[in-house]
Amino acid sequence: MHSIATDSDLIAVSLDDPAVFARIFDRHYVEIHGFVQRRLGTPLADRIAARVFVEAFRERATFNGRADARPWLYGIATAQIGRHHRRERRLLRAYARRGPSLMSEAPLAARERSGPRAASRALARAVARLDGPERDALLLGAWTGFERAQLAQALGCDEREARNRLAEARRRVITTAEVQLTTTAADRPIARAG
């Protein structure tokens, strides 16, 4: 067993003895996991935190040599969180283009004006524009059918905050989708007989 004090020393030794990198994991996993959990919530924290340490292990030869590896690990975590958000935005934009049903019920007025595909696309675009916490509340509520207490637990907040996020998200999505559908319907040329 190596008796090395600094993260820099451990990472340097791990270049020849990869098993030593486990001590970096042991020292910093809980803290990095907590950061990711605060940013993305509990369901994603395990996976993203694990990715942080896989990437750190792969890139350990590029470590800057400072005694404390935490700033480097937090940088990797922040990049992983950004990648996650970009993937989510791409997925929501794809939903907007293809028009799958994001929610079980579209606003009635929107369905009546433009049909289910256009309503689904407008909803997807509106969801993509939500802030992260509101988007998380709406999608968890829509896709899981959680009760308020379960939703709050999944979001890592109290029930009142979960209810507020969900209500605000619904309000913003319905308003945005209605505007999009009204604008789209108004921009369509009127078919003339004859």
Protein backbone atom coordinates (compact mmCIF):
# COMPACT_ATOMS: atom_id res chain seq x y z
CA MET A 1 0.00 0.00 0.00
CA HIS A 2 1.24 3.46 -0.89
CA SER A 3 1.43 6.05 1.89
CA ILE A 4 1.09 9.16 -0.24
CA ALA A 5 -0.54 12.31 1.08
CA THR A 6 -1.54 14.49 -1.87
CA ASP A 7 -3.93 13.84 -4.72
CA SER A 8 -1.19 14.89 -7.12
CA ASP A 9 1.11 12.18 -5.77
CA LEU A 10 -1.62 9.55 -5.98
CA ILE A 11 -2.46 10.45 -9.56
CA ALA A 12 1.22 10.41 -10.53
CA VAL A 13 1.69 6.93 -9.00
CA SER A 14 -1.54 5.74 -10.64
CA LEU A 15 0.03 6.25 -14.06
CA ASP A 16 2.21 3.19 -13.32
CA ASP A 17 -0.12 1.49 -10.83
CA PRO A 18 -3.73 2.18 -11.95
CA ALA A 19 -5.22 0.61 -8.82
CA VAL A 20 -3.90 3.55 -6.78
CA PHE A 21 -6.46 5.80 -8.50
CA ALA A 22 -9.12 4.10 -6.34
CA ARG A 23 -7.88 6.29 -3.47
CA ILE A 24 -8.84 9.41 -5.46
CA PHE A 25 -12.29 7.89 -5.88
CA ASP A 26 -12.48 7.04 -2.17
CA ARG A 27 -11.43 10.56 -1.16
CA HIS A 28 -13.72 12.55 -3.42
CA TYR A 29 -16.64 10.46 -4.70
CA VAL A 30 -19.12 11.49 -1.98
CA GLU A 31 -18.41 15.19 -2.49
CA ILE A 32 -18.57 15.02 -6.30
CA HIS A 33 -21.73 12.88 -6.13
CA GLY A 34 -23.32 15.48 -3.84
CA PHE A 35 -22.53 18.25 -6.31
CA VAL A 36 -23.99 16.30 -9.23
CA GLN A 37 -27.02 15.39 -7.15
CA ARG A 38 -27.67 19.04 -6.35
CA ARG A 39 -27.43 19.91 -10.05
CA LEU A 40 -29.31 17.00 -11.61
CA GLY A 41 -31.19 15.29 -8.82
CA THR A 42 -30.82 11.90 -7.26
CA PRO A 43 -31.81 9.68 -10.20
CA LEU A 44 -28.91 10.84 -12.40
CA ALA A 45 -26.29 11.47 -9.72
CA ASP A 46 -24.90 7.93 -9.51
CA ARG A 47 -24.43 7.58 -13.26
CA ILE A 48 -22.99 11.04 -13.88
CA ALA A 49 -20.68 10.92 -10.82
CA ALA A 50 -19.38 7.55 -12.02
CA ARG A 51 -18.72 9.06 -15.45
CA VAL A 52 -16.72 11.83 -13.78
CA PHE A 53 -14.33 9.32 -12.25
CA VAL A 54 -14.12 7.20 -15.41
CA GLU A 55 -13.17 10.31 -17.38
CA ALA A 56 -10.74 11.43 -14.66
CA PHE A 57 -9.09 8.02 -14.72
CA ARG A 58 -8.75 8.09 -18.51
CA GLU A 59 -7.40 11.65 -18.45
CA ARG A 60 -5.21 11.36 -15.36
CA ALA A 61 -2.03 11.88 -17.39
CA THR A 62 -3.26 15.42 -18.14
CA PHE A 63 -3.84 16.31 -14.48
CA ASN A 64 -2.31 19.72 -13.67
CA GLY A 65 -0.25 18.47 -10.72
CA ARG A 66 -1.88 20.52 -7.97
CA ALA A 67 -2.09 18.92 -4.55
CA ASP A 68 -5.91 18.91 -4.50
CA ALA A 69 -7.72 17.14 -7.35
CA ARG A 70 -11.14 18.52 -6.41
CA PRO A 71 -11.13 21.55 -8.74
CA TRP A 72 -10.17 19.25 -11.62
CA LEU A 73 -12.90 16.76 -10.67
CA TYR A 74 -15.49 19.54 -10.31
CA GLY A 75 -14.52 20.76 -13.78
CA ILE A 76 -15.08 17.29 -15.20
CA ALA A 77 -18.40 17.07 -13.32
CA THR A 78 -19.53 20.41 -14.69
CA ALA A 79 -18.67 19.29 -18.22
CA GLN A 80 -20.57 16.02 -17.71
CA ILE A 81 -23.61 17.92 -16.45
CA GLY A 82 -23.41 20.22 -19.49
CA ARG A 83 -23.26 17.20 -21.81
CA HIS A 84 -26.30 15.77 -20.09
CA HIS A 85 -28.25 19.02 -20.54
CA ARG A 86 -27.25 19.24 -24.22
CA ARG A 87 -28.39 15.65 -24.83
CA GLU A 88 -31.70 16.40 -23.13
CA ARG A 89 -32.23 19.57 -25.21
CA ARG A 90 -31.44 17.65 -28.43
CA LEU A 91 -33.95 14.99 -27.45
CA LEU A 92 -36.65 17.55 -26.71
CA ARG A 93 -35.98 19.30 -30.03
CA ALA A 94 -36.25 15.94 -31.79
CA TYR A 95 -39.59 15.40 -30.07
CA ALA A 96 -40.64 18.81 -31.29
CA ARG A 97 -39.72 17.89 -34.89
CA ARG A 98 -41.24 14.41 -34.85
CA GLY A 99 -44.21 15.20 -32.68
CA PRO A 100 -44.51 12.31 -30.21
CA SER A 101 -46.93 12.88 -27.39
CA LEU A 102 -45.02 14.28 -24.42
CA MET A 103 -48.05 14.46 -22.22
CA SER A 104 -51.28 12.56 -22.06
CA GLU A 105 -53.38 15.68 -22.60
CA ALA A 106 -52.71 18.66 -24.85
CA PRO A 107 -54.64 21.88 -24.30
CA LEU A 108 -58.08 21.36 -25.82
CA ALA A 109 -58.08 24.63 -27.76
CA ALA A 110 -54.70 23.75 -29.29
CA ARG A 111 -55.93 20.30 -30.37
CA GLU A 112 -59.04 21.76 -31.91
CA ARG A 113 -57.14 24.35 -33.95
CA SER A 114 -54.27 22.38 -35.33
CA GLY A 115 -54.48 18.68 -34.77
CA PRO A 116 -52.53 16.36 -32.52
CA ARG A 117 -49.19 16.42 -34.37
CA ALA A 118 -48.89 20.19 -34.37
CA ALA A 119 -50.00 20.30 -30.73
CA SER A 120 -47.37 17.70 -29.77
CA ARG A 121 -44.67 19.66 -31.58
CA ALA A 122 -45.71 22.90 -29.93
CA LEU A 123 -45.72 21.20 -26.53
CA ALA A 124 -42.25 19.74 -27.11
CA ARG A 125 -40.87 23.15 -28.12
CA ALA A 126 -42.50 24.73 -25.07
CA VAL A 127 -41.05 22.05 -22.76
CA ALA A 128 -37.59 22.53 -24.29
CA ARG A 129 -37.76 26.23 -23.33
CA LEU A 130 -38.45 25.55 -19.65
CA ASP A 131 -35.77 26.06 -17.01
CA GLY A 132 -34.23 22.83 -15.73
CA PRO A 133 -36.15 22.56 -12.41
CA GLU A 134 -39.49 23.32 -14.07
CA ARG A 135 -38.77 20.93 -16.94
CA ASP A 136 -37.78 18.21 -14.48
CA ALA A 137 -41.00 18.70 -12.49
CA LEU A 138 -43.19 18.65 -15.58
CA LEU A 139 -41.58 15.63 -17.21
CA LEU A 140 -41.46 13.64 -13.99
CA GLY A 141 -45.08 14.50 -13.32
CA ALA A 142 -46.19 13.66 -16.84
CA TRP A 143 -44.16 10.53 -17.45
CA THR A 144 -44.27 8.89 -14.02
CA GLY A 145 -47.67 9.87 -12.67
CA PHE A 146 -46.06 10.47 -9.27
CA GLU A 147 -48.17 11.81 -6.43
CA ARG A 148 -46.99 15.14 -5.02
CA ALA A 149 -44.91 13.53 -2.23
CA GLN A 150 -43.17 11.20 -4.69
CA LEU A 151 -42.54 14.06 -7.09
CA ALA A 152 -41.04 16.15 -4.28
CA GLN A 153 -38.78 13.28 -3.29
CA ALA A 154 -37.63 12.76 -6.88
CA LEU A 155 -36.94 16.49 -7.26
CA GLY A 156 -35.20 16.76 -3.91
CA CYS A 157 -37.49 19.48 -2.57
CA ASP A 158 -40.51 19.80 -0.32
CA GLU A 159 -44.06 19.17 -1.57
CA ARG A 160 -44.92 22.87 -1.75
CA GLU A 161 -41.91 23.58 -3.99
CA ALA A 162 -42.72 20.57 -6.18
CA ARG A 163 -46.33 21.78 -6.56
CA ASN A 164 -45.15 25.30 -7.42
CA ARG A 165 -42.62 24.08 -9.99
CA LEU A 166 -45.18 21.83 -11.62
CA ALA A 167 -47.87 24.52 -11.69
CA GLU A 168 -45.50 27.12 -13.15
CA ALA A 169 -44.19 24.65 -15.72
CA ARG A 170 -47.73 23.74 -16.81
CA ARG A 171 -48.72 27.40 -17.03
CA ARG A 172 -45.67 28.29 -19.11
CA VAL A 173 -46.00 25.29 -21.42
CA ILE A 174 -49.70 25.85 -22.08
CA THR A 175 -49.19 29.57 -22.68
CA THR A 176 -46.18 29.03 -24.95
CA ALA A 177 -47.84 26.20 -26.90
CA GLU A 178 -51.05 28.20 -27.33
CA VAL A 179 -49.07 31.17 -28.68
CA GLN A 180 -47.13 28.93 -31.06
CA LEU A 181 -50.27 27.23 -32.33
CA THR A 182 -52.16 30.50 -32.71
CA THR A 183 -49.23 32.01 -34.60
CA THR A 184 -48.87 28.91 -36.78
CA ALA A 185 -52.59 28.84 -37.57
CA ALA A 186 -52.61 32.56 -38.37
CA ASP A 187 -49.62 32.18 -40.70
CA ARG A 188 -51.26 29.46 -42.81
CA PRO A 189 -52.58 30.57 -46.17
CA ILE A 190 -56.33 30.38 -46.57
CA ALA A 191 -57.37 27.83 -49.18
CA ARG A 192 -59.54 29.38 -51.85
CA ALA A 193 -62.24 27.52 -53.67
CA GLY A 194 -62.11 27.21 -57.37
